[in-house]
Every structure is written in structure tokens, then in C-alpha cells.
Amino acid sequence: MPLDEKVFLKRLEEKKLTLKNLIVSAKNSTEVVELDQTKIGRLSRMDAIQRQSMAIEMERRREVDLRRIEAAIERLKSGDFGCCITCDEEIPLKRLEFDPACTTCVACAK
């Protein structure tokens, strides 16, 4: 079955938009935690710091995913989409359907 680049481009653009929206909406979660002991207790501060750390890590992962998606869109535009960046073999269609931003074939991913 041939690769339908328009379908993959649409999926990647949708994922890109979703990630950008998530990054913008989660900005408040990564703000500095106020450590004023007169306003909140120690456990509440610890909980707030933990939530902030988790939010920062989620933001980092979303940024990485966004870069992967943007790179996949560039590969689509340049005609390199669907080729393994390690061995230059074709990436199986099922693998691309699962993750359109993947860059390696199954053998090289191992």
C-alpha cells in the first residue's frame, strides 16, 4: 500500500496544533511556587513543588514531541518521509501509522 503523504501531513499538523495548545495552556503550572509559610503549610508547599516538577517534565516532553513532529513535516516536504535515518530503508507503513514522527525502521530501533 503506497504512502499517502497528504493523510500523514494532516495528522502531523493536527498533532502539532494540539501540542502547541497544550504547551500554552500548561504555562501556569510551571510558574515558581511561592514558599511563604504564612500562607500555606509545609505539606501543601511540597505538593505544589511536586506538581510543578511534574508540569515542567510534561512541558519538556511536549517540546520534544513538537520538535519530532516538525522534523517529520520537514521530511514530508523534502521527500525523505518514511525512510529510516539510520539505514535509509523504508519504514513499514504500520509503524508510520502508529507514530508518523518515527525516524527509524524496526530493525534500527532495536
PDB file of N, CA and C in Angstrom:
ATOM      1  N   MET A   1       0.846  -1.186   0.000  1.00  0.00           N
ATOM      2  CA  MET A   1       0.000   0.000   0.000  1.00  0.00           C
ATOM      3  C   MET A   1       0.890   1.247   0.000  1.00  0.00           C
ATOM      4  N   PRO A   2       0.695   2.146  -0.950  1.00  0.00           N
ATOM      5  CA  PRO A   2       1.553   3.332  -1.028  1.00  0.00           C
ATOM      6  C   PRO A   2       1.280   4.312   0.108  1.00  0.00           C
ATOM      7  N   LEU A   3       2.268   5.121   0.361  1.00  0.00           N
ATOM      8  CA  LEU A   3       2.222   6.114   1.430  1.00  0.00           C
ATOM      9  C   LEU A   3       1.396   7.313   0.976  1.00  0.00           C
ATOM     10  N   ASP A   4       0.337   7.647   1.713  1.00  0.00           N
ATOM     11  CA  ASP A   4      -0.478   8.813   1.389  1.00  0.00           C
ATOM     12  C   ASP A   4       0.039  10.002   2.195  1.00  0.00           C
ATOM     13  N   GLU A   5       0.897  10.804   1.564  1.00  0.00           N
ATOM     14  CA  GLU A   5       1.567  11.908   2.248  1.00  0.00           C
ATOM     15  C   GLU A   5       0.594  12.949   2.769  1.00  0.00           C
ATOM     16  N   LYS A   6      -0.508  13.189   2.061  1.00  0.00           N
ATOM     17  CA  LYS A   6      -1.486  14.191   2.499  1.00  0.00           C
ATOM     18  C   LYS A   6      -2.123  13.783   3.825  1.00  0.00           C
ATOM     19  N   VAL A   7      -2.405  12.496   3.975  1.00  0.00           N
ATOM     20  CA  VAL A   7      -3.003  11.997   5.220  1.00  0.00           C
ATOM     21  C   VAL A   7      -2.018  12.170   6.369  1.00  0.00           C
ATOM     22  N   PHE A   8      -0.766  11.812   6.137  1.00  0.00           N
ATOM     23  CA  PHE A   8       0.247  11.945   7.184  1.00  0.00           C
ATOM     24  C   PHE A   8       0.496  13.413   7.531  1.00  0.00           C
ATOM     25  N   LEU A   9       0.520  14.282   6.525  1.00  0.00           N
ATOM     26  CA  LEU A   9       0.720  15.707   6.776  1.00  0.00           C
ATOM     27  C   LEU A   9      -0.423  16.265   7.626  1.00  0.00           C
ATOM     28  N   LYS A  10      -1.649  15.868   7.312  1.00  0.00           N
ATOM     29  CA  LYS A  10      -2.803  16.336   8.078  1.00  0.00           C
ATOM     30  C   LYS A  10      -2.700  15.858   9.528  1.00  0.00           C
ATOM     31  N   ARG A  11      -2.366  14.584   9.736  1.00  0.00           N
ATOM     32  CA  ARG A  11      -2.234  14.052  11.100  1.00  0.00           C
ATOM     33  C   ARG A  11      -1.141  14.773  11.875  1.00  0.00           C
ATOM     34  N   LEU A  12      -0.002  15.002  11.213  1.00  0.00           N
ATOM     35  CA  LEU A  12       1.111  15.684  11.878  1.00  0.00           C
ATOM     36  C   LEU A  12       0.758  17.131  12.221  1.00  0.00           C
ATOM     37  N   GLU A  13       0.094  17.820  11.320  1.00  0.00           N
ATOM     38  CA  GLU A  13      -0.313  19.209  11.576  1.00  0.00           C
ATOM     39  C   GLU A  13      -1.312  19.269  12.734  1.00  0.00           C
ATOM     40  N   GLU A  14      -2.234  18.295  12.798  1.00  0.00           N
ATOM     41  CA  GLU A  14      -3.201  18.251  13.897  1.00  0.00           C
ATOM     42  C   GLU A  14      -2.492  18.013  15.234  1.00  0.00           C
ATOM     43  N   LYS A  15      -1.532  17.077  15.230  1.00  0.00           N
ATOM     44  CA  LYS A  15      -0.775  16.800  16.454  1.00  0.00           C
ATOM     45  C   LYS A  15       0.035  18.029  16.874  1.00  0.00           C
ATOM     46  N   LYS A  16       0.611  18.701  15.908  1.00  0.00           N
ATOM     47  CA  LYS A  16       1.396  19.899  16.189  1.00  0.00           C
ATOM     48  C   LYS A  16       0.529  20.973  16.836  1.00  0.00           C
ATOM     49  N   LEU A  17      -0.642  21.208  16.295  1.00  0.00           N
ATOM     50  CA  LEU A  17      -1.561  22.198  16.848  1.00  0.00           C
ATOM     51  C   LEU A  17      -2.001  21.816  18.262  1.00  0.00           C
ATOM     52  N   THR A  18      -2.311  20.549  18.471  1.00  0.00           N
ATOM     53  CA  THR A  18      -2.713  20.072  19.794  1.00  0.00           C
ATOM     54  C   THR A  18      -1.602  20.287  20.811  1.00  0.00           C
ATOM     55  N   LEU A  19      -0.378  19.933  20.447  1.00  0.00           N
ATOM     56  CA  LEU A  19       0.754  20.110  21.361  1.00  0.00           C
ATOM     57  C   LEU A  19       0.996  21.581  21.677  1.00  0.00           C
ATOM     58  N   LYS A  20       0.927  22.434  20.670  1.00  0.00           N
ATOM     59  CA  LYS A  20       1.129  23.865  20.908  1.00  0.00           C
ATOM     60  C   LYS A  20       0.069  24.407  21.865  1.00  0.00           C
ATOM     61  N   ASN A  21      -1.179  23.967  21.686  1.00  0.00           N
ATOM     62  CA  ASN A  21      -2.248  24.404  22.584  1.00  0.00           C
ATOM     63  C   ASN A  21      -2.017  23.902  24.010  1.00  0.00           C
ATOM     64  N   LEU A  22      -1.569  22.658  24.152  1.00  0.00           N
ATOM     65  CA  LEU A  22      -1.277  22.109  25.481  1.00  0.00           C
ATOM     66  C   LEU A  22      -0.133  22.866  26.152  1.00  0.00           C
ATOM     67  N   ILE A  23       0.890  23.190  25.376  1.00  0.00           N
ATOM     68  CA  ILE A  23       2.039  23.919  25.930  1.00  0.00           C
ATOM     69  C   ILE A  23       1.596  25.289  26.442  1.00  0.00           C
ATOM     70  N   VAL A  24       0.777  25.983  25.664  1.00  0.00           N
ATOM     71  CA  VAL A  24       0.303  27.308  26.066  1.00  0.00           C
ATOM     72  C   VAL A  24      -0.599  27.204  27.302  1.00  0.00           C
ATOM     73  N   SER A  25      -1.513  26.245  27.303  1.00  0.00           N
ATOM     74  CA  SER A  25      -2.454  26.135  28.422  1.00  0.00           C
ATOM     75  C   SER A  25      -1.792  25.670  29.713  1.00  0.00           C
ATOM     76  N   ALA A  26      -0.657  24.987  29.625  1.00  0.00           N
ATOM     77  CA  ALA A  26       0.014  24.465  30.825  1.00  0.00           C
ATOM     78  C   ALA A  26       1.068  25.427  31.379  1.00  0.00           C
ATOM     79  N   LYS A  27       1.255  26.582  30.779  1.00  0.00           N
ATOM     80  CA  LYS A  27       2.285  27.522  31.228  1.00  0.00           C
ATOM     81  C   LYS A  27       2.129  27.891  32.700  1.00  0.00           C
ATOM     82  N   ASN A  28       0.910  28.043  33.176  1.00  0.00           N
ATOM     83  CA  ASN A  28       0.686  28.424  34.576  1.00  0.00           C
ATOM     84  C   ASN A  28       1.189  27.355  35.545  1.00  0.00           C
ATOM     85  N   SER A  29       1.194  26.112  35.138  1.00  0.00           N
ATOM     86  CA  SER A  29       1.599  25.013  36.016  1.00  0.00           C
ATOM     87  C   SER A  29       3.095  25.008  36.297  1.00  0.00           C
ATOM     88  N   THR A  30       3.857  25.685  35.468  1.00  0.00           N
ATOM     89  CA  THR A  30       5.319  25.661  35.632  1.00  0.00           C
ATOM     90  C   THR A  30       5.850  26.909  36.317  1.00  0.00           C
ATOM     91  N   GLU A  31       4.954  27.785  36.734  1.00  0.00           N
ATOM     92  CA  GLU A  31       5.402  29.009  37.397  1.00  0.00           C
ATOM     93  C   GLU A  31       6.012  28.689  38.764  1.00  0.00           C
ATOM     94  N   VAL A  32       6.803  29.599  39.276  1.00  0.00           N
ATOM     95  CA  VAL A  32       7.502  29.431  40.546  1.00  0.00           C
ATOM     96  C   VAL A  32       6.497  29.247  41.681  1.00  0.00           C
ATOM     97  N   VAL A  33       6.794  28.274  42.546  1.00  0.00           N
ATOM     98  CA  VAL A  33       5.938  28.014  43.699  1.00  0.00           C
ATOM     99  C   VAL A  33       6.312  28.976  44.817  1.00  0.00           C
ATOM    100  N   GLU A  34       5.310  29.656  45.348  1.00  0.00           N
ATOM    101  CA  GLU A  34       5.546  30.596  46.436  1.00  0.00           C
ATOM    102  C   GLU A  34       5.774  29.809  47.727  1.00  0.00           C
ATOM    103  N   LEU A  35       6.846  30.127  48.432  1.00  0.00           N
ATOM    104  CA  LEU A  35       7.216  29.384  49.631  1.00  0.00           C
ATOM    105  C   LEU A  35       6.922  30.147  50.921  1.00  0.00           C
ATOM    106  N   ASP A  36       5.926  31.000  50.909  1.00  0.00           N
ATOM    107  CA  ASP A  36       5.553  31.788  52.088  1.00  0.00           C
ATOM    108  C   ASP A  36       4.832  30.884  53.091  1.00  0.00           C
ATOM    109  N   GLN A  37       5.492  30.597  54.212  1.00  0.00           N
ATOM    110  CA  GLN A  37       4.947  29.687  55.212  1.00  0.00           C
ATOM    111  C   GLN A  37       3.722  30.256  55.918  1.00  0.00           C
ATOM    112  N   THR A  38       3.509  31.555  55.827  1.00  0.00           N
ATOM    113  CA  THR A  38       2.341  32.144  56.474  1.00  0.00           C
ATOM    114  C   THR A  38       1.073  31.919  55.648  1.00  0.00           C
ATOM    115  N   LYS A  39       1.240  31.574  54.378  1.00  0.00           N
ATOM    116  CA  LYS A  39       0.073  31.391  53.511  1.00  0.00           C
ATOM    117  C   LYS A  39      -0.318  29.927  53.358  1.00  0.00           C
ATOM    118  N   ILE A  40       0.671  29.031  53.219  1.00  0.00           N
ATOM    119  CA  ILE A  40       0.360  27.612  53.053  1.00  0.00           C
ATOM    120  C   ILE A  40       1.288  26.777  53.917  1.00  0.00           C
ATOM    121  N   GLY A  41       0.825  25.601  54.289  1.00  0.00           N
ATOM    122  CA  GLY A  41       1.611  24.713  55.138  1.00  0.00           C
ATOM    123  C   GLY A  41       2.699  23.992  54.375  1.00  0.00           C
ATOM    124  N   ARG A  42       3.544  23.300  55.137  1.00  0.00           N
ATOM    125  CA  ARG A  42       4.698  22.606  54.557  1.00  0.00           C
ATOM    126  C   ARG A  42       4.278  21.526  53.562  1.00  0.00           C
ATOM    127  N   LEU A  43       3.275  20.706  53.918  1.00  0.00           N
ATOM    128  CA  LEU A  43       2.831  19.641  53.015  1.00  0.00           C
ATOM    129  C   LEU A  43       2.217  20.205  51.742  1.00  0.00           C
ATOM    130  N   SER A  44       1.491  21.291  51.880  1.00  0.00           N
ATOM    131  CA  SER A  44       0.905  21.927  50.698  1.00  0.00           C
ATOM    132  C   SER A  44       1.987  22.468  49.778  1.00  0.00           C
ATOM    133  N   ARG A  45       3.049  23.034  50.358  1.00  0.00           N
ATOM    134  CA  ARG A  45       4.170  23.534  49.550  1.00  0.00           C
ATOM    135  C   ARG A  45       4.865  22.378  48.843  1.00  0.00           C
ATOM    136  N   MET A  46       5.084  21.282  49.578  1.00  0.00           N
ATOM    137  CA  MET A  46       5.740  20.111  48.977  1.00  0.00           C
ATOM    138  C   MET A  46       4.901  19.569  47.820  1.00  0.00           C
ATOM    139  N   ASP A  47       3.595  19.532  48.024  1.00  0.00           N
ATOM    140  CA  ASP A  47       2.687  19.067  46.981  1.00  0.00           C
ATOM    141  C   ASP A  47       2.742  20.003  45.771  1.00  0.00           C
ATOM    142  N   ALA A  48       2.767  21.299  46.027  1.00  0.00           N
ATOM    143  CA  ALA A  48       2.838  22.286  44.945  1.00  0.00           C
ATOM    144  C   ALA A  48       4.144  22.159  44.173  1.00  0.00           C
ATOM    145  N   ILE A  49       5.247  21.930  44.882  1.00  0.00           N
ATOM    146  CA  ILE A  49       6.553  21.771  44.231  1.00  0.00           C
ATOM    147  C   ILE A  49       6.567  20.501  43.385  1.00  0.00           C
ATOM    148  N   GLN A  50       5.978  19.426  43.905  1.00  0.00           N
ATOM    149  CA  GLN A  50       5.912  18.177  43.139  1.00  0.00           C
ATOM    150  C   GLN A  50       5.068  18.361  41.873  1.00  0.00           C
ATOM    151  N   ARG A  51       3.916  19.023  41.996  1.00  0.00           N
ATOM    152  CA  ARG A  51       3.074  19.279  40.819  1.00  0.00           C
ATOM    153  C   ARG A  51       3.825  20.134  39.794  1.00  0.00           C
ATOM    154  N   GLN A  52       4.577  21.128  40.303  1.00  0.00           N
ATOM    155  CA  GLN A  52       5.342  21.985  39.406  1.00  0.00           C
ATOM    156  C   GLN A  52       6.406  21.169  38.675  1.00  0.00           C
ATOM    157  N   SER A  53       7.100  20.292  39.386  1.00  0.00           N
ATOM    158  CA  SER A  53       8.131  19.453  38.760  1.00  0.00           C
ATOM    159  C   SER A  53       7.536  18.549  37.690  1.00  0.00           C
ATOM    160  N   MET A  54       6.380  17.988  37.990  1.00  0.00           N
ATOM    161  CA  MET A  54       5.714  17.130  37.005  1.00  0.00           C
ATOM    162  C   MET A  54       5.284  17.945  35.784  1.00  0.00           C
ATOM    163  N   ALA A  55       4.804  19.149  36.016  1.00  0.00           N
ATOM    164  CA  ALA A  55       4.383  20.014  34.910  1.00  0.00           C
ATOM    165  C   ALA A  55       5.574  20.418  34.044  1.00  0.00           C
ATOM    166  N   ILE A  56       6.701  20.691  34.674  1.00  0.00           N
ATOM    167  CA  ILE A  56       7.912  21.047  33.922  1.00  0.00           C
ATOM    168  C   ILE A  56       8.359  19.882  33.050  1.00  0.00           C
ATOM    169  N   GLU A  57       8.314  18.668  33.589  1.00  0.00           N
ATOM    170  CA  GLU A  57       8.709  17.491  32.810  1.00  0.00           C
ATOM    171  C   GLU A  57       7.738  17.251  31.658  1.00  0.00           C
ATOM    172  N   MET A  58       6.450  17.424  31.897  1.00  0.00           N
ATOM    173  CA  MET A  58       5.464  17.264  30.822  1.00  0.00           C
ATOM    174  C   MET A  58       5.697  18.304  29.727  1.00  0.00           C
ATOM    175  N   GLU A  59       6.033  19.524  30.126  1.00  0.00           N
ATOM    176  CA  GLU A  59       6.321  20.571  29.150  1.00  0.00           C
ATOM    177  C   GLU A  59       7.550  20.199  28.316  1.00  0.00           C
ATOM    178  N   ARG A  60       8.583  19.661  28.966  1.00  0.00           N
ATOM    179  CA  ARG A  60       9.790  19.250  28.255  1.00  0.00           C
ATOM    180  C   ARG A  60       9.460  18.156  27.242  1.00  0.00           C
ATOM    181  N   ARG A  61       8.644  17.181  27.659  1.00  0.00           N
ATOM    182  CA  ARG A  61       8.270  16.084  26.752  1.00  0.00           C
ATOM    183  C   ARG A  61       7.438  16.584  25.575  1.00  0.00           C
ATOM    184  N   ARG A  62       6.552  17.518  25.850  1.00  0.00           N
ATOM    185  CA  ARG A  62       5.743  18.086  24.760  1.00  0.00           C
ATOM    186  C   ARG A  62       6.614  18.846  23.777  1.00  0.00           C
ATOM    187  N   GLU A  63       7.613  19.568  24.286  1.00  0.00           N
ATOM    188  CA  GLU A  63       8.538  20.293  23.408  1.00  0.00           C
ATOM    189  C   GLU A  63       9.324  19.318  22.529  1.00  0.00           C
ATOM    190  N   VAL A  64       9.760  18.199  23.104  1.00  0.00           N
ATOM    191  CA  VAL A  64      10.482  17.176  22.340  1.00  0.00           C
ATOM    192  C   VAL A  64       9.562  16.600  21.266  1.00  0.00           C
ATOM    193  N   ASP A  65       8.317  16.271  21.635  1.00  0.00           N
ATOM    194  CA  ASP A  65       7.357  15.742  20.666  1.00  0.00           C
ATOM    195  C   ASP A  65       7.089  16.757  19.556  1.00  0.00           C
ATOM    196  N   LEU A  66       6.995  18.024  19.925  1.00  0.00           N
ATOM    197  CA  LEU A  66       6.764  19.069  18.934  1.00  0.00           C
ATOM    198  C   LEU A  66       7.919  19.136  17.933  1.00  0.00           C
ATOM    199  N   ARG A  67       9.144  19.055  18.427  1.00  0.00           N
ATOM    200  CA  ARG A  67      10.309  19.060  17.521  1.00  0.00           C
ATOM    201  C   ARG A  67      10.302  17.824  16.609  1.00  0.00           C
ATOM    202  N   ARG A  68       9.913  16.654  17.148  1.00  0.00           N
ATOM    203  CA  ARG A  68       9.843  15.433  16.334  1.00  0.00           C
ATOM    204  C   ARG A  68       8.809  15.597  15.221  1.00  0.00           C
ATOM    205  N   ILE A  69       7.666  16.188  15.563  1.00  0.00           N
ATOM    206  CA  ILE A  69       6.595  16.377  14.584  1.00  0.00           C
ATOM    207  C   ILE A  69       7.018  17.381  13.520  1.00  0.00           C
ATOM    208  N   GLU A  70       7.635  18.474  13.941  1.00  0.00           N
ATOM    209  CA  GLU A  70       8.113  19.464  12.966  1.00  0.00           C
ATOM    210  C   GLU A  70       9.159  18.869  12.042  1.00  0.00           C
ATOM    211  N   ALA A  71      10.026  18.006  12.568  1.00  0.00           N
ATOM    212  CA  ALA A  71      11.037  17.341  11.735  1.00  0.00           C
ATOM    213  C   ALA A  71      10.365  16.387  10.748  1.00  0.00           C
ATOM    214  N   ALA A  72       9.320  15.693  11.180  1.00  0.00           N
ATOM    215  CA  ALA A  72       8.597  14.781  10.286  1.00  0.00           C
ATOM    216  C   ALA A  72       7.919  15.559   9.161  1.00  0.00           C
ATOM    217  N   ILE A  73       7.377  16.723   9.481  1.00  0.00           N
ATOM    218  CA  ILE A  73       6.752  17.563   8.452  1.00  0.00           C
ATOM    219  C   ILE A  73       7.801  18.008   7.435  1.00  0.00           C
ATOM    220  N   GLU A  74       8.972  18.367   7.918  1.00  0.00           N
ATOM    221  CA  GLU A  74      10.068  18.745   7.006  1.00  0.00           C
ATOM    222  C   GLU A  74      10.474  17.567   6.119  1.00  0.00           C
ATOM    223  N   ARG A  75      10.532  16.357   6.706  1.00  0.00           N
ATOM    224  CA  ARG A  75      10.869  15.165   5.905  1.00  0.00           C
ATOM    225  C   ARG A  75       9.804  14.907   4.843  1.00  0.00           C
ATOM    226  N   LEU A  76       8.543  15.166   5.181  1.00  0.00           N
ATOM    227  CA  LEU A  76       7.468  15.016   4.191  1.00  0.00           C
ATOM    228  C   LEU A  76       7.672  15.985   3.042  1.00  0.00           C
ATOM    229  N   LYS A  77       7.981  17.218   3.368  1.00  0.00           N
ATOM    230  CA  LYS A  77       8.166  18.244   2.341  1.00  0.00           C
ATOM    231  C   LYS A  77       9.386  17.987   1.472  1.00  0.00           C
ATOM    232  N   SER A  78      10.421  17.402   2.055  1.00  0.00           N
ATOM    233  CA  SER A  78      11.654  17.156   1.297  1.00  0.00           C
ATOM    234  C   SER A  78      11.645  15.816   0.557  1.00  0.00           C
ATOM    235  N   GLY A  79      10.651  14.988   0.841  1.00  0.00           N
ATOM    236  CA  GLY A  79      10.571  13.689   0.175  1.00  0.00           C
ATOM    237  C   GLY A  79      11.303  12.574   0.904  1.00  0.00           C
ATOM    238  N   ASP A  80      11.793  12.846   2.103  1.00  0.00           N
ATOM    239  CA  ASP A  80      12.514  11.833   2.879  1.00  0.00           C
ATOM    240  C   ASP A  80      11.634  11.098   3.884  1.00  0.00           C
ATOM    241  N   PHE A  81      10.355  11.441   3.947  1.00  0.00           N
ATOM    242  CA  PHE A  81       9.459  10.831   4.916  1.00  0.00           C
ATOM    243  C   PHE A  81       9.294   9.346   4.621  1.00  0.00           C
ATOM    244  N   GLY A  82       9.344   8.557   5.672  1.00  0.00           N
ATOM    245  CA  GLY A  82       9.148   7.113   5.523  1.00  0.00           C
ATOM    246  C   GLY A  82      10.431   6.342   5.316  1.00  0.00           C
ATOM    247  N   CYS A  83      11.568   7.041   5.290  1.00  0.00           N
ATOM    248  CA  CYS A  83      12.872   6.388   5.148  1.00  0.00           C
ATOM    249  C   CYS A  83      13.607   6.439   6.487  1.00  0.00           C
ATOM    250  N   CYS A  84      14.189   5.327   6.867  1.00  0.00           N
ATOM    251  CA  CYS A  84      14.941   5.234   8.114  1.00  0.00           C
ATOM    252  C   CYS A  84      16.165   6.145   8.033  1.00  0.00           C
ATOM    253  N   ILE A  85      16.384   6.949   9.074  1.00  0.00           N
ATOM    254  CA  ILE A  85      17.531   7.859   9.061  1.00  0.00           C
ATOM    255  C   ILE A  85      18.841   7.133   9.344  1.00  0.00           C
ATOM    256  N   THR A  86      18.754   5.882   9.810  1.00  0.00           N
ATOM    257  CA  THR A  86      19.962   5.116  10.111  1.00  0.00           C
ATOM    258  C   THR A  86      20.433   4.288   8.912  1.00  0.00           C
ATOM    259  N   CYS A  87      19.510   3.500   8.343  1.00  0.00           N
ATOM    260  CA  CYS A  87      19.914   2.597   7.256  1.00  0.00           C
ATOM    261  C   CYS A  87      19.348   2.987   5.897  1.00  0.00           C
ATOM    262  N   ASP A  88      18.495   4.001   5.853  1.00  0.00           N
ATOM    263  CA  ASP A  88      17.884   4.512   4.625  1.00  0.00           C
ATOM    264  C   ASP A  88      16.889   3.544   3.986  1.00  0.00           C
ATOM    265  N   GLU A  89      16.475   2.504   4.741  1.00  0.00           N
ATOM    266  CA  GLU A  89      15.447   1.586   4.253  1.00  0.00           C
ATOM    267  C   GLU A  89      14.075   2.185   4.528  1.00  0.00           C
ATOM    268  N   GLU A  90      13.065   1.645   3.881  1.00  0.00           N
ATOM    269  CA  GLU A  90      11.704   2.121   4.061  1.00  0.00           C
ATOM    270  C   GLU A  90      11.167   1.709   5.437  1.00  0.00           C
ATOM    271  N   ILE A  91      10.529   2.641   6.124  1.00  0.00           N
ATOM    272  CA  ILE A  91       9.889   2.354   7.412  1.00  0.00           C
ATOM    273  C   ILE A  91       8.520   1.737   7.103  1.00  0.00           C
ATOM    274  N   PRO A  92       8.183   0.595   7.742  1.00  0.00           N
ATOM    275  CA  PRO A  92       6.889  -0.038   7.463  1.00  0.00           C
ATOM    276  C   PRO A  92       5.714   0.909   7.704  1.00  0.00           C
ATOM    277  N   LEU A  93       4.712   0.811   6.841  1.00  0.00           N
ATOM    278  CA  LEU A  93       3.543   1.686   6.898  1.00  0.00           C
ATOM    279  C   LEU A  93       2.836   1.593   8.250  1.00  0.00           C
ATOM    280  N   LYS A  94       2.713   0.399   8.795  1.00  0.00           N
ATOM    281  CA  LYS A  94       2.050   0.223  10.099  1.00  0.00           C
ATOM    282  C   LYS A  94       2.778   1.009  11.187  1.00  0.00           C
ATOM    283  N   ARG A  95       4.107   1.034  11.125  1.00  0.00           N
ATOM    284  CA  ARG A  95       4.899   1.783  12.113  1.00  0.00           C
ATOM    285  C   ARG A  95       4.653   3.289  11.967  1.00  0.00           C
ATOM    286  N   LEU A  96       4.582   3.762  10.739  1.00  0.00           N
ATOM    287  CA  LEU A  96       4.306   5.177  10.491  1.00  0.00           C
ATOM    288  C   LEU A  96       2.885   5.551  10.886  1.00  0.00           C
ATOM    289  N   GLU A  97       1.955   4.621  10.685  1.00  0.00           N
ATOM    290  CA  GLU A  97       0.577   4.889  11.094  1.00  0.00           C
ATOM    291  C   GLU A  97       0.487   5.009  12.606  1.00  0.00           C
ATOM    292  N   PHE A  98       1.253   4.192  13.320  1.00  0.00           N
ATOM    293  CA  PHE A  98       1.266   4.253  14.776  1.00  0.00           C
ATOM    294  C   PHE A  98       1.916   5.545  15.267  1.00  0.00           C
ATOM    295  N   ASP A  99       3.070   5.892  14.670  1.00  0.00           N
ATOM    296  CA  ASP A  99       3.794   7.107  15.054  1.00  0.00           C
ATOM    297  C   ASP A  99       4.363   7.758  13.797  1.00  0.00           C
ATOM    298  N   PRO A 100       3.637   8.719  13.223  1.00  0.00           N
ATOM    299  CA  PRO A 100       4.102   9.353  11.987  1.00  0.00           C
ATOM    300  C   PRO A 100       5.420  10.105  12.130  1.00  0.00           C
ATOM    301  N   ALA A 101       5.842  10.382  13.357  1.00  0.00           N
ATOM    302  CA  ALA A 101       7.090  11.125  13.582  1.00  0.00           C
ATOM    303  C   ALA A 101       8.281  10.197  13.781  1.00  0.00           C
ATOM    304  N   CYS A 102       8.070   8.873  13.702  1.00  0.00           N
ATOM    305  CA  CYS A 102       9.212   7.969  13.934  1.00  0.00           C
ATOM    306  C   CYS A 102      10.232   8.119  12.811  1.00  0.00           C
ATOM    307  N   THR A 103      11.491   7.893  13.159  1.00  0.00           N
ATOM    308  CA  THR A 103      12.589   8.139  12.209  1.00  0.00           C
ATOM    309  C   THR A 103      13.357   6.889  11.830  1.00  0.00           C
ATOM    310  N   THR A 104      13.047   5.767  12.476  1.00  0.00           N
ATOM    311  CA  THR A 104      13.815   4.545  12.210  1.00  0.00           C
ATOM    312  C   THR A 104      12.899   3.366  11.899  1.00  0.00           C
ATOM    313  N   CYS A 105      13.449   2.423  11.161  1.00  0.00           N
ATOM    314  CA  CYS A 105      12.731   1.177  10.909  1.00  0.00           C
ATOM    315  C   CYS A 105      12.794   0.325  12.183  1.00  0.00           C
ATOM    316  N   VAL A 106      12.095  -0.784  12.182  1.00  0.00           N
ATOM    317  CA  VAL A 106      12.026  -1.644  13.357  1.00  0.00           C
ATOM    318  C   VAL A 106      13.413  -2.186  13.719  1.00  0.00           C
ATOM    319  N   ALA A 107      14.151  -2.626  12.719  1.00  0.00           N
ATOM    320  CA  ALA A 107      15.481  -3.206  12.974  1.00  0.00           C
ATOM    321  C   ALA A 107      16.434  -2.195  13.612  1.00  0.00           C
ATOM    322  N   CYS A 108      16.441  -0.981  13.111  1.00  0.00           N
ATOM    323  CA  CYS A 108      17.339   0.048  13.656  1.00  0.00           C
ATOM    324  C   CYS A 108      16.869   0.576  15.007  1.00  0.00           C
ATOM    325  N   ALA A 109      15.577   0.488  15.271  1.00  0.00           N
ATOM    326  CA  ALA A 109      15.043   0.953  16.548  1.00  0.00           C
ATOM    327  C   ALA A 109      15.481   0.047  17.699  1.00  0.00           C
ATOM    328  N   LYS A 110      15.801  -1.211  17.356  1.00  0.00           N
ATOM    329  CA  LYS A 110      16.256  -2.151  18.387  1.00  0.00           C
ATOM    330  C   LYS A 110      17.637  -1.761  18.805  1.00  0.00           C
TER     331      LYS A 110
END
